[in-house]
């Protein structure tokens, strides 16, 4: 039961980490590309 809970916790942690990473990437992409849009345009 403990191993199952630990596995579930780790899976949730990985999902949360990936979600956080995806959100970070989306935000970084937005923050970097917005001024690049002005420069190239």
ModelCIF file with pLDDT and N, C-alpha, C, O atoms, coordinates in Angstrom:
data_MODEL
#
_entry.id   MODEL 
#
_entity.id                         1 
_entity.type                       polymer 
_entity.pdbx_number_of_molecules   1 
#
_entity_poly.entity_id                      1 
_entity_poly.type                           'polypeptide(L)' 
_entity_poly.nstd_linkage                   no 
_entity_poly.nstd_monomer                   no 
_entity_poly.pdbx_seq_one_letter_code       
;(UNK)(UNK)(UNK)(UNK)(UNK)(UNK)(UNK)(UNK)(UNK)(UNK)(UNK)(UNK)(UNK)(UNK)(UNK)(UNK)
(UNK)(UNK)(UNK)(UNK)(UNK)(UNK)(UNK)(UNK)(UNK)(UNK)(UNK)(UNK)(UNK)(UNK)(UNK)(UNK)
(UNK)(UNK)(UNK)(UNK)(UNK)(UNK)(UNK)(UNK)(UNK)
;
_entity_poly.pdbx_seq_one_letter_code_can   XXXXXXXXXXXXXXXXXXXXXXXXXXXXXXXXXXXXXXXXX 
_entity_poly.pdbx_strand_id                 A 
#
loop_
_entity_poly_seq.entity_id 
_entity_poly_seq.num 
_entity_poly_seq.mon_id 
_entity_poly_seq.hetero 
1 1  UNK n 
1 2  UNK n 
1 3  UNK n 
1 4  UNK n 
1 5  UNK n 
1 6  UNK n 
1 7  UNK n 
1 8  UNK n 
1 9  UNK n 
1 10 UNK n 
1 11 UNK n 
1 12 UNK n 
1 13 UNK n 
1 14 UNK n 
1 15 UNK n 
1 16 UNK n 
1 17 UNK n 
1 18 UNK n 
1 19 UNK n 
1 20 UNK n 
1 21 UNK n 
1 22 UNK n 
1 23 UNK n 
1 24 UNK n 
1 25 UNK n 
1 26 UNK n 
1 27 UNK n 
1 28 UNK n 
1 29 UNK n 
1 30 UNK n 
1 31 UNK n 
1 32 UNK n 
1 33 UNK n 
1 34 UNK n 
1 35 UNK n 
1 36 UNK n 
1 37 UNK n 
1 38 UNK n 
1 39 UNK n 
1 40 UNK n 
1 41 UNK n 
#
_struct_asym.id          A 
_struct_asym.entity_id   1 
#
loop_
_ma_qa_metric.id 
_ma_qa_metric.mode 
_ma_qa_metric.name 
_ma_qa_metric.software_group_id 
_ma_qa_metric.type 
1 global pLDDT . pLDDT 
2 local  pLDDT . pLDDT 
#
_ma_qa_metric_global.metric_id      1 
_ma_qa_metric_global.metric_value   71.63 
_ma_qa_metric_global.model_id       1 
_ma_qa_metric_global.ordinal_id     1 
#
loop_
_ma_qa_metric_local.label_asym_id 
_ma_qa_metric_local.label_comp_id 
_ma_qa_metric_local.label_seq_id 
_ma_qa_metric_local.metric_id 
_ma_qa_metric_local.metric_value 
_ma_qa_metric_local.model_id 
_ma_qa_metric_local.ordinal_id 
A UNK 1  2 75.00 1 1  
A UNK 2  2 73.00 1 2  
A UNK 3  2 73.00 1 3  
A UNK 4  2 76.00 1 4  
A UNK 5  2 77.00 1 5  
A UNK 6  2 74.00 1 6  
A UNK 7  2 78.00 1 7  
A UNK 8  2 76.00 1 8  
A UNK 9  2 75.00 1 9  
A UNK 10 2 74.00 1 10 
A UNK 11 2 74.00 1 11 
A UNK 12 2 74.00 1 12 
A UNK 13 2 74.00 1 13 
A UNK 14 2 67.00 1 14 
A UNK 15 2 67.00 1 15 
A UNK 16 2 71.00 1 16 
A UNK 17 2 68.00 1 17 
A UNK 18 2 64.00 1 18 
A UNK 19 2 66.00 1 19 
A UNK 20 2 68.00 1 20 
A UNK 21 2 62.00 1 21 
A UNK 22 2 61.00 1 22 
A UNK 23 2 65.00 1 23 
A UNK 24 2 67.00 1 24 
A UNK 25 2 62.00 1 25 
A UNK 26 2 61.00 1 26 
A UNK 27 2 67.00 1 27 
A UNK 28 2 67.00 1 28 
A UNK 29 2 64.00 1 29 
A UNK 30 2 65.00 1 30 
A UNK 31 2 71.00 1 31 
A UNK 32 2 74.00 1 32 
A UNK 33 2 73.00 1 33 
A UNK 34 2 73.00 1 34 
A UNK 35 2 79.00 1 35 
A UNK 36 2 80.00 1 36 
A UNK 37 2 77.00 1 37 
A UNK 38 2 78.00 1 38 
A UNK 39 2 83.00 1 39 
A UNK 40 2 83.00 1 40 
A UNK 41 2 81.00 1 41 
#
loop_
_atom_site.group_PDB 
_atom_site.id 
_atom_site.type_symbol 
_atom_site.label_atom_id 
_atom_site.label_alt_id 
_atom_site.label_comp_id 
_atom_site.label_asym_id 
_atom_site.label_entity_id 
_atom_site.label_seq_id 
_atom_site.pdbx_PDB_ins_code 
_atom_site.Cartn_x 
_atom_site.Cartn_y 
_atom_site.Cartn_z 
_atom_site.occupancy 
_atom_site.B_iso_or_equiv 
_atom_site.pdbx_formal_charge 
_atom_site.auth_seq_id 
_atom_site.auth_comp_id 
_atom_site.auth_asym_id 
_atom_site.auth_atom_id 
_atom_site.pdbx_PDB_model_num 
ATOM 1   N N  . UNK A 1 1  ? 0.836  -1.202 0.000   1.00 75.00 ? 1  UNK A N  1 
ATOM 2   C CA . UNK A 1 1  ? 0.000  0.000  0.000   1.00 75.00 ? 1  UNK A CA 1 
ATOM 3   C C  . UNK A 1 1  ? 0.870  1.250  0.000   1.00 75.00 ? 1  UNK A C  1 
ATOM 4   O O  . UNK A 1 1  ? 0.601  2.224  -0.703  1.00 75.00 ? 1  UNK A O  1 
ATOM 5   N N  . UNK A 1 2  ? 1.939  1.188  0.827   1.00 73.00 ? 2  UNK A N  1 
ATOM 6   C CA . UNK A 1 2  ? 2.872  2.312  0.896   1.00 73.00 ? 2  UNK A CA 1 
ATOM 7   C C  . UNK A 1 2  ? 3.571  2.515  -0.461  1.00 73.00 ? 2  UNK A C  1 
ATOM 8   O O  . UNK A 1 2  ? 3.724  3.643  -0.932  1.00 73.00 ? 2  UNK A O  1 
ATOM 9   N N  . UNK A 1 3  ? 3.995  1.387  -1.083  1.00 73.00 ? 3  UNK A N  1 
ATOM 10  C CA . UNK A 1 3  ? 4.678  1.460  -2.388  1.00 73.00 ? 3  UNK A CA 1 
ATOM 11  C C  . UNK A 1 3  ? 3.747  2.028  -3.447  1.00 73.00 ? 3  UNK A C  1 
ATOM 12  O O  . UNK A 1 3  ? 4.159  2.813  -4.301  1.00 73.00 ? 3  UNK A O  1 
ATOM 13  N N  . UNK A 1 4  ? 2.474  1.616  -3.376  1.00 76.00 ? 4  UNK A N  1 
ATOM 14  C CA . UNK A 1 4  ? 1.483  2.112  -4.337  1.00 76.00 ? 4  UNK A CA 1 
ATOM 15  C C  . UNK A 1 4  ? 1.285  3.613  -4.180  1.00 76.00 ? 4  UNK A C  1 
ATOM 16  O O  . UNK A 1 4  ? 1.233  4.359  -5.159  1.00 76.00 ? 4  UNK A O  1 
ATOM 17  N N  . UNK A 1 5  ? 1.172  4.050  -2.884  1.00 77.00 ? 5  UNK A N  1 
ATOM 18  C CA . UNK A 1 5  ? 0.995  5.482  -2.632  1.00 77.00 ? 5  UNK A CA 1 
ATOM 19  C C  . UNK A 1 5  ? 2.226  6.267  -3.067  1.00 77.00 ? 5  UNK A C  1 
ATOM 20  O O  . UNK A 1 5  ? 2.122  7.363  -3.617  1.00 77.00 ? 5  UNK A O  1 
ATOM 21  N N  . UNK A 1 6  ? 3.403  5.676  -2.807  1.00 74.00 ? 6  UNK A N  1 
ATOM 22  C CA . UNK A 1 6  ? 4.659  6.334  -3.195  1.00 74.00 ? 6  UNK A CA 1 
ATOM 23  C C  . UNK A 1 6  ? 4.762  6.450  -4.715  1.00 74.00 ? 6  UNK A C  1 
ATOM 24  O O  . UNK A 1 6  ? 5.166  7.483  -5.249  1.00 74.00 ? 6  UNK A O  1 
ATOM 25  N N  . UNK A 1 7  ? 4.379  5.341  -5.414  1.00 78.00 ? 7  UNK A N  1 
ATOM 26  C CA . UNK A 1 7  ? 4.401  5.360  -6.881  1.00 78.00 ? 7  UNK A CA 1 
ATOM 27  C C  . UNK A 1 7  ? 3.460  6.430  -7.433  1.00 78.00 ? 7  UNK A C  1 
ATOM 28  O O  . UNK A 1 7  ? 3.805  7.179  -8.347  1.00 78.00 ? 7  UNK A O  1 
ATOM 29  N N  . UNK A 1 8  ? 2.244  6.479  -6.842  1.00 76.00 ? 8  UNK A N  1 
ATOM 30  C CA . UNK A 1 8  ? 1.261  7.467  -7.285  1.00 76.00 ? 8  UNK A CA 1 
ATOM 31  C C  . UNK A 1 8  ? 1.772  8.886  -7.035  1.00 76.00 ? 8  UNK A C  1 
ATOM 32  O O  . UNK A 1 8  ? 1.606  9.783  -7.861  1.00 76.00 ? 8  UNK A O  1 
ATOM 33  N N  . UNK A 1 9  ? 2.409  9.063  -5.848  1.00 75.00 ? 9  UNK A N  1 
ATOM 34  C CA . UNK A 1 9  ? 2.962  10.374 -5.512  1.00 75.00 ? 9  UNK A CA 1 
ATOM 35  C C  . UNK A 1 9  ? 4.043  10.787 -6.516  1.00 75.00 ? 9  UNK A C  1 
ATOM 36  O O  . UNK A 1 9  ? 4.090  11.931 -6.967  1.00 75.00 ? 9  UNK A O  1 
ATOM 37  N N  . UNK A 1 10 ? 4.922  9.810  -6.857  1.00 74.00 ? 10 UNK A N  1 
ATOM 38  C CA . UNK A 1 10 ? 6.001  10.094 -7.817  1.00 74.00 ? 10 UNK A CA 1 
ATOM 39  C C  . UNK A 1 10 ? 5.443  10.424 -9.201  1.00 74.00 ? 10 UNK A C  1 
ATOM 40  O O  . UNK A 1 10 ? 5.932  11.325 -9.883  1.00 74.00 ? 10 UNK A O  1 
ATOM 41  N N  . UNK A 1 11 ? 4.398  9.670  -9.608  1.00 74.00 ? 11 UNK A N  1 
ATOM 42  C CA . UNK A 1 11 ? 3.770  9.934  -10.907 1.00 74.00 ? 11 UNK A CA 1 
ATOM 43  C C  . UNK A 1 11 ? 3.167  11.333 -10.935 1.00 74.00 ? 11 UNK A C  1 
ATOM 44  O O  . UNK A 1 11 ? 3.314  12.073 -11.907 1.00 74.00 ? 11 UNK A O  1 
ATOM 45  N N  . UNK A 1 12 ? 2.477  11.681 -9.836  1.00 74.00 ? 12 UNK A N  1 
ATOM 46  C CA . UNK A 1 12 ? 1.881  13.023 -9.753  1.00 74.00 ? 12 UNK A CA 1 
ATOM 47  C C  . UNK A 1 12 ? 2.954  14.100 -9.744  1.00 74.00 ? 12 UNK A C  1 
ATOM 48  O O  . UNK A 1 12 ? 2.785  15.174 -10.322 1.00 74.00 ? 12 UNK A O  1 
ATOM 49  N N  . UNK A 1 13 ? 4.067  13.789 -9.073  1.00 74.00 ? 13 UNK A N  1 
ATOM 50  C CA . UNK A 1 13 ? 5.165  14.752 -9.029  1.00 74.00 ? 13 UNK A CA 1 
ATOM 51  C C  . UNK A 1 13 ? 5.767  14.949 -10.426 1.00 74.00 ? 13 UNK A C  1 
ATOM 52  O O  . UNK A 1 13 ? 6.084  16.072 -10.819 1.00 74.00 ? 13 UNK A O  1 
ATOM 53  N N  . UNK A 1 14 ? 5.922  13.842 -11.175 1.00 67.00 ? 14 UNK A N  1 
ATOM 54  C CA . UNK A 1 14 ? 6.461  13.927 -12.545 1.00 67.00 ? 14 UNK A CA 1 
ATOM 55  C C  . UNK A 1 14 ? 5.505  14.723 -13.436 1.00 67.00 ? 14 UNK A C  1 
ATOM 56  O O  . UNK A 1 14 ? 5.929  15.576 -14.215 1.00 67.00 ? 14 UNK A O  1 
ATOM 57  N N  . UNK A 1 15 ? 4.189  14.424 -13.305 1.00 67.00 ? 15 UNK A N  1 
ATOM 58  C CA . UNK A 1 15 ? 3.187  15.150 -14.097 1.00 67.00 ? 15 UNK A CA 1 
ATOM 59  C C  . UNK A 1 15 ? 3.224  16.641 -13.757 1.00 67.00 ? 15 UNK A C  1 
ATOM 60  O O  . UNK A 1 15 ? 3.190  17.496 -14.642 1.00 67.00 ? 15 UNK A O  1 
ATOM 61  N N  . UNK A 1 16 ? 3.293  16.932 -12.451 1.00 71.00 ? 16 UNK A N  1 
ATOM 62  C CA . UNK A 1 16 ? 3.339  18.335 -12.011 1.00 71.00 ? 16 UNK A CA 1 
ATOM 63  C C  . UNK A 1 16 ? 4.605  19.019 -12.522 1.00 71.00 ? 16 UNK A C  1 
ATOM 64  O O  . UNK A 1 16 ? 4.571  20.174 -12.945 1.00 71.00 ? 16 UNK A O  1 
ATOM 65  N N  . UNK A 1 17 ? 5.733  18.284 -12.476 1.00 68.00 ? 17 UNK A N  1 
ATOM 66  C CA . UNK A 1 17 ? 7.005  18.851 -12.952 1.00 68.00 ? 17 UNK A CA 1 
ATOM 67  C C  . UNK A 1 17 ? 6.950  19.120 -14.451 1.00 68.00 ? 17 UNK A C  1 
ATOM 68  O O  . UNK A 1 17 ? 7.406  20.160 -14.925 1.00 68.00 ? 17 UNK A O  1 
ATOM 69  N N  . UNK A 1 18 ? 6.377  18.153 -15.201 1.00 64.00 ? 18 UNK A N  1 
ATOM 70  C CA . UNK A 1 18 ? 6.245  18.345 -16.648 1.00 64.00 ? 18 UNK A CA 1 
ATOM 71  C C  . UNK A 1 18 ? 5.307  19.497 -16.973 1.00 64.00 ? 18 UNK A C  1 
ATOM 72  O O  . UNK A 1 18 ? 5.541  20.273 -17.899 1.00 64.00 ? 18 UNK A O  1 
ATOM 73  N N  . UNK A 1 19 ? 4.211  19.591 -16.166 1.00 66.00 ? 19 UNK A N  1 
ATOM 74  C CA . UNK A 1 19 ? 3.270  20.683 -16.386 1.00 66.00 ? 19 UNK A CA 1 
ATOM 75  C C  . UNK A 1 19 ? 3.943  22.023 -16.102 1.00 66.00 ? 19 UNK A C  1 
ATOM 76  O O  . UNK A 1 19 ? 3.782  22.988 -16.849 1.00 66.00 ? 19 UNK A O  1 
ATOM 77  N N  . UNK A 1 20 ? 4.704  22.060 -15.002 1.00 68.00 ? 20 UNK A N  1 
ATOM 78  C CA . UNK A 1 20 ? 5.423  23.290 -14.643 1.00 68.00 ? 20 UNK A CA 1 
ATOM 79  C C  . UNK A 1 20 ? 6.440  23.649 -15.720 1.00 68.00 ? 20 UNK A C  1 
ATOM 80  O O  . UNK A 1 20 ? 6.613  24.815 -16.075 1.00 68.00 ? 20 UNK A O  1 
ATOM 81  N N  . UNK A 1 21 ? 7.117  22.606 -16.236 1.00 62.00 ? 21 UNK A N  1 
ATOM 82  C CA . UNK A 1 21 ? 8.112  22.828 -17.290 1.00 62.00 ? 21 UNK A CA 1 
ATOM 83  C C  . UNK A 1 21 ? 7.448  23.348 -18.565 1.00 62.00 ? 21 UNK A C  1 
ATOM 84  O O  . UNK A 1 21 ? 7.959  24.260 -19.216 1.00 62.00 ? 21 UNK A O  1 
ATOM 85  N N  . UNK A 1 22 ? 6.288  22.745 -18.917 1.00 61.00 ? 22 UNK A N  1 
ATOM 86  C CA . UNK A 1 22 ? 5.557  23.177 -20.110 1.00 61.00 ? 22 UNK A CA 1 
ATOM 87  C C  . UNK A 1 22 ? 5.085  24.616 -19.960 1.00 61.00 ? 22 UNK A C  1 
ATOM 88  O O  . UNK A 1 22 ? 5.178  25.411 -20.896 1.00 61.00 ? 22 UNK A O  1 
ATOM 89  N N  . UNK A 1 23 ? 4.572  24.950 -18.757 1.00 65.00 ? 23 UNK A N  1 
ATOM 90  C CA . UNK A 1 23 ? 4.116  26.327 -18.512 1.00 65.00 ? 23 UNK A CA 1 
ATOM 91  C C  . UNK A 1 23 ? 5.286  27.300 -18.592 1.00 65.00 ? 23 UNK A C  1 
ATOM 92  O O  . UNK A 1 23 ? 5.169  28.396 -19.141 1.00 65.00 ? 23 UNK A O  1 
ATOM 93  N N  . UNK A 1 24 ? 6.431  26.869 -18.026 1.00 67.00 ? 24 UNK A N  1 
ATOM 94  C CA . UNK A 1 24 ? 7.619  27.714 -18.079 1.00 67.00 ? 24 UNK A CA 1 
ATOM 95  C C  . UNK A 1 24 ? 8.053  27.942 -19.525 1.00 67.00 ? 24 UNK A C  1 
ATOM 96  O O  . UNK A 1 24 ? 8.377  29.062 -19.921 1.00 67.00 ? 24 UNK A O  1 
ATOM 97  N N  . UNK A 1 25 ? 8.053  26.847 -20.317 1.00 62.00 ? 25 UNK A N  1 
ATOM 98  C CA . UNK A 1 25 ? 8.433  26.959 -21.727 1.00 62.00 ? 25 UNK A CA 1 
ATOM 99  C C  . UNK A 1 25 ? 7.492  27.886 -22.484 1.00 62.00 ? 25 UNK A C  1 
ATOM 100 O O  . UNK A 1 25 ? 7.930  28.727 -23.269 1.00 62.00 ? 25 UNK A O  1 
ATOM 101 N N  . UNK A 1 26 ? 6.182  27.722 -22.238 1.00 61.00 ? 26 UNK A N  1 
ATOM 102 C CA . UNK A 1 26 ? 5.203  28.566 -22.919 1.00 61.00 ? 26 UNK A CA 1 
ATOM 103 C C  . UNK A 1 26 ? 5.435  30.035 -22.572 1.00 61.00 ? 26 UNK A C  1 
ATOM 104 O O  . UNK A 1 26 ? 5.399  30.903 -23.444 1.00 61.00 ? 26 UNK A O  1 
ATOM 105 N N  . UNK A 1 27 ? 5.675  30.305 -21.274 1.00 67.00 ? 27 UNK A N  1 
ATOM 106 C CA . UNK A 1 27 ? 5.909  31.686 -20.849 1.00 67.00 ? 27 UNK A CA 1 
ATOM 107 C C  . UNK A 1 27 ? 7.203  32.236 -21.413 1.00 67.00 ? 27 UNK A C  1 
ATOM 108 O O  . UNK A 1 27 ? 7.253  33.379 -21.868 1.00 67.00 ? 27 UNK A O  1 
ATOM 109 N N  . UNK A 1 28 ? 8.270  31.411 -21.384 1.00 67.00 ? 28 UNK A N  1 
ATOM 110 C CA . UNK A 1 28 ? 9.555  31.853 -21.923 1.00 67.00 ? 28 UNK A CA 1 
ATOM 111 C C  . UNK A 1 28 ? 9.452  32.103 -23.421 1.00 67.00 ? 28 UNK A C  1 
ATOM 112 O O  . UNK A 1 28 ? 9.983  33.085 -23.941 1.00 67.00 ? 28 UNK A O  1 
ATOM 113 N N  . UNK A 1 29 ? 8.759  31.198 -24.104 1.00 64.00 ? 29 UNK A N  1 
ATOM 114 C CA . UNK A 1 29 ? 8.557  31.358 -25.544 1.00 64.00 ? 29 UNK A CA 1 
ATOM 115 C C  . UNK A 1 29 ? 7.870  32.689 -25.819 1.00 64.00 ? 29 UNK A C  1 
ATOM 116 O O  . UNK A 1 29 ? 8.263  33.431 -26.719 1.00 64.00 ? 29 UNK A O  1 
ATOM 117 N N  . UNK A 1 30 ? 6.836  32.980 -25.028 1.00 65.00 ? 30 UNK A N  1 
ATOM 118 C CA . UNK A 1 30 ? 6.074  34.225 -25.211 1.00 65.00 ? 30 UNK A CA 1 
ATOM 119 C C  . UNK A 1 30 ? 6.957  35.440 -24.925 1.00 65.00 ? 30 UNK A C  1 
ATOM 120 O O  . UNK A 1 30 ? 6.973  36.400 -25.696 1.00 65.00 ? 30 UNK A O  1 
ATOM 121 N N  . UNK A 1 31 ? 7.696  35.390 -23.805 1.00 71.00 ? 31 UNK A N  1 
ATOM 122 C CA . UNK A 1 31 ? 8.504  36.539 -23.402 1.00 71.00 ? 31 UNK A CA 1 
ATOM 123 C C  . UNK A 1 31 ? 9.636  36.817 -24.387 1.00 71.00 ? 31 UNK A C  1 
ATOM 124 O O  . UNK A 1 31 ? 9.973  37.975 -24.635 1.00 71.00 ? 31 UNK A O  1 
ATOM 125 N N  . UNK A 1 32 ? 10.224 35.762 -24.950 1.00 74.00 ? 32 UNK A N  1 
ATOM 126 C CA . UNK A 1 32 ? 11.339 35.951 -25.890 1.00 74.00 ? 32 UNK A CA 1 
ATOM 127 C C  . UNK A 1 32 ? 10.838 36.338 -27.271 1.00 74.00 ? 32 UNK A C  1 
ATOM 128 O O  . UNK A 1 32 ? 11.393 37.232 -27.910 1.00 74.00 ? 32 UNK A O  1 
ATOM 129 N N  . UNK A 1 33 ? 9.789  35.669 -27.732 1.00 73.00 ? 33 UNK A N  1 
ATOM 130 C CA . UNK A 1 33 ? 9.329  35.878 -29.100 1.00 73.00 ? 33 UNK A CA 1 
ATOM 131 C C  . UNK A 1 33 ? 8.603  37.205 -29.303 1.00 73.00 ? 33 UNK A C  1 
ATOM 132 O O  . UNK A 1 33 ? 8.567  37.723 -30.419 1.00 73.00 ? 33 UNK A O  1 
ATOM 133 N N  . UNK A 1 34 ? 8.023  37.760 -28.240 1.00 73.00 ? 34 UNK A N  1 
ATOM 134 C CA . UNK A 1 34 ? 7.305  39.029 -28.398 1.00 73.00 ? 34 UNK A CA 1 
ATOM 135 C C  . UNK A 1 34 ? 8.249  40.158 -28.835 1.00 73.00 ? 34 UNK A C  1 
ATOM 136 O O  . UNK A 1 34 ? 7.944  40.852 -29.805 1.00 73.00 ? 34 UNK A O  1 
ATOM 137 N N  . UNK A 1 35 ? 9.396  40.369 -28.146 1.00 79.00 ? 35 UNK A N  1 
ATOM 138 C CA . UNK A 1 35 ? 10.315 41.401 -28.665 1.00 79.00 ? 35 UNK A CA 1 
ATOM 139 C C  . UNK A 1 35 ? 10.936 41.024 -30.004 1.00 79.00 ? 35 UNK A C  1 
ATOM 140 O O  . UNK A 1 35 ? 11.214 41.902 -30.821 1.00 79.00 ? 35 UNK A O  1 
ATOM 141 N N  . UNK A 1 36 ? 11.160 39.720 -30.243 1.00 80.00 ? 36 UNK A N  1 
ATOM 142 C CA . UNK A 1 36 ? 11.690 39.300 -31.539 1.00 80.00 ? 36 UNK A CA 1 
ATOM 143 C C  . UNK A 1 36 ? 10.713 39.655 -32.657 1.00 80.00 ? 36 UNK A C  1 
ATOM 144 O O  . UNK A 1 36 ? 11.129 39.995 -33.764 1.00 80.00 ? 36 UNK A O  1 
ATOM 145 N N  . UNK A 1 37 ? 9.419  39.575 -32.369 1.00 77.00 ? 37 UNK A N  1 
ATOM 146 C CA . UNK A 1 37 ? 8.396  39.938 -33.347 1.00 77.00 ? 37 UNK A CA 1 
ATOM 147 C C  . UNK A 1 37 ? 8.551  41.405 -33.740 1.00 77.00 ? 37 UNK A C  1 
ATOM 148 O O  . UNK A 1 37 ? 8.469  41.753 -34.918 1.00 77.00 ? 37 UNK A O  1 
ATOM 149 N N  . UNK A 1 38 ? 8.777  42.264 -32.739 1.00 78.00 ? 38 UNK A N  1 
ATOM 150 C CA . UNK A 1 38 ? 8.947  43.692 -33.013 1.00 78.00 ? 38 UNK A CA 1 
ATOM 151 C C  . UNK A 1 38 ? 10.222 43.951 -33.823 1.00 78.00 ? 38 UNK A C  1 
ATOM 152 O O  . UNK A 1 38 ? 10.217 44.732 -34.774 1.00 78.00 ? 38 UNK A O  1 
ATOM 153 N N  . UNK A 1 39 ? 11.315 43.282 -33.429 1.00 83.00 ? 39 UNK A N  1 
ATOM 154 C CA . UNK A 1 39 ? 12.595 43.501 -34.124 1.00 83.00 ? 39 UNK A CA 1 
ATOM 155 C C  . UNK A 1 39 ? 12.497 43.097 -35.599 1.00 83.00 ? 39 UNK A C  1 
ATOM 156 O O  . UNK A 1 39 ? 12.843 43.879 -36.485 1.00 83.00 ? 39 UNK A O  1 
ATOM 157 N N  . UNK A 1 40 ? 12.025 41.874 -35.855 1.00 83.00 ? 40 UNK A N  1 
ATOM 158 C CA . UNK A 1 40 ? 11.950 41.386 -37.236 1.00 83.00 ? 40 UNK A CA 1 
ATOM 159 C C  . UNK A 1 40 ? 10.899 42.142 -38.046 1.00 83.00 ? 40 UNK A C  1 
ATOM 160 O O  . UNK A 1 40 ? 11.107 42.422 -39.226 1.00 83.00 ? 40 UNK A O  1 
ATOM 161 N N  . UNK A 1 41 ? 9.764  42.473 -37.412 1.00 81.00 ? 41 UNK A N  1 
ATOM 162 C CA . UNK A 1 41 ? 8.698  43.187 -38.127 1.00 81.00 ? 41 UNK A CA 1 
ATOM 163 C C  . UNK A 1 41 ? 9.105  44.590 -38.517 1.00 81.00 ? 41 UNK A C  1 
ATOM 164 O O  . UNK A 1 41 ? 8.317  45.316 -39.124 1.00 81.00 ? 41 UNK A O  1 
#
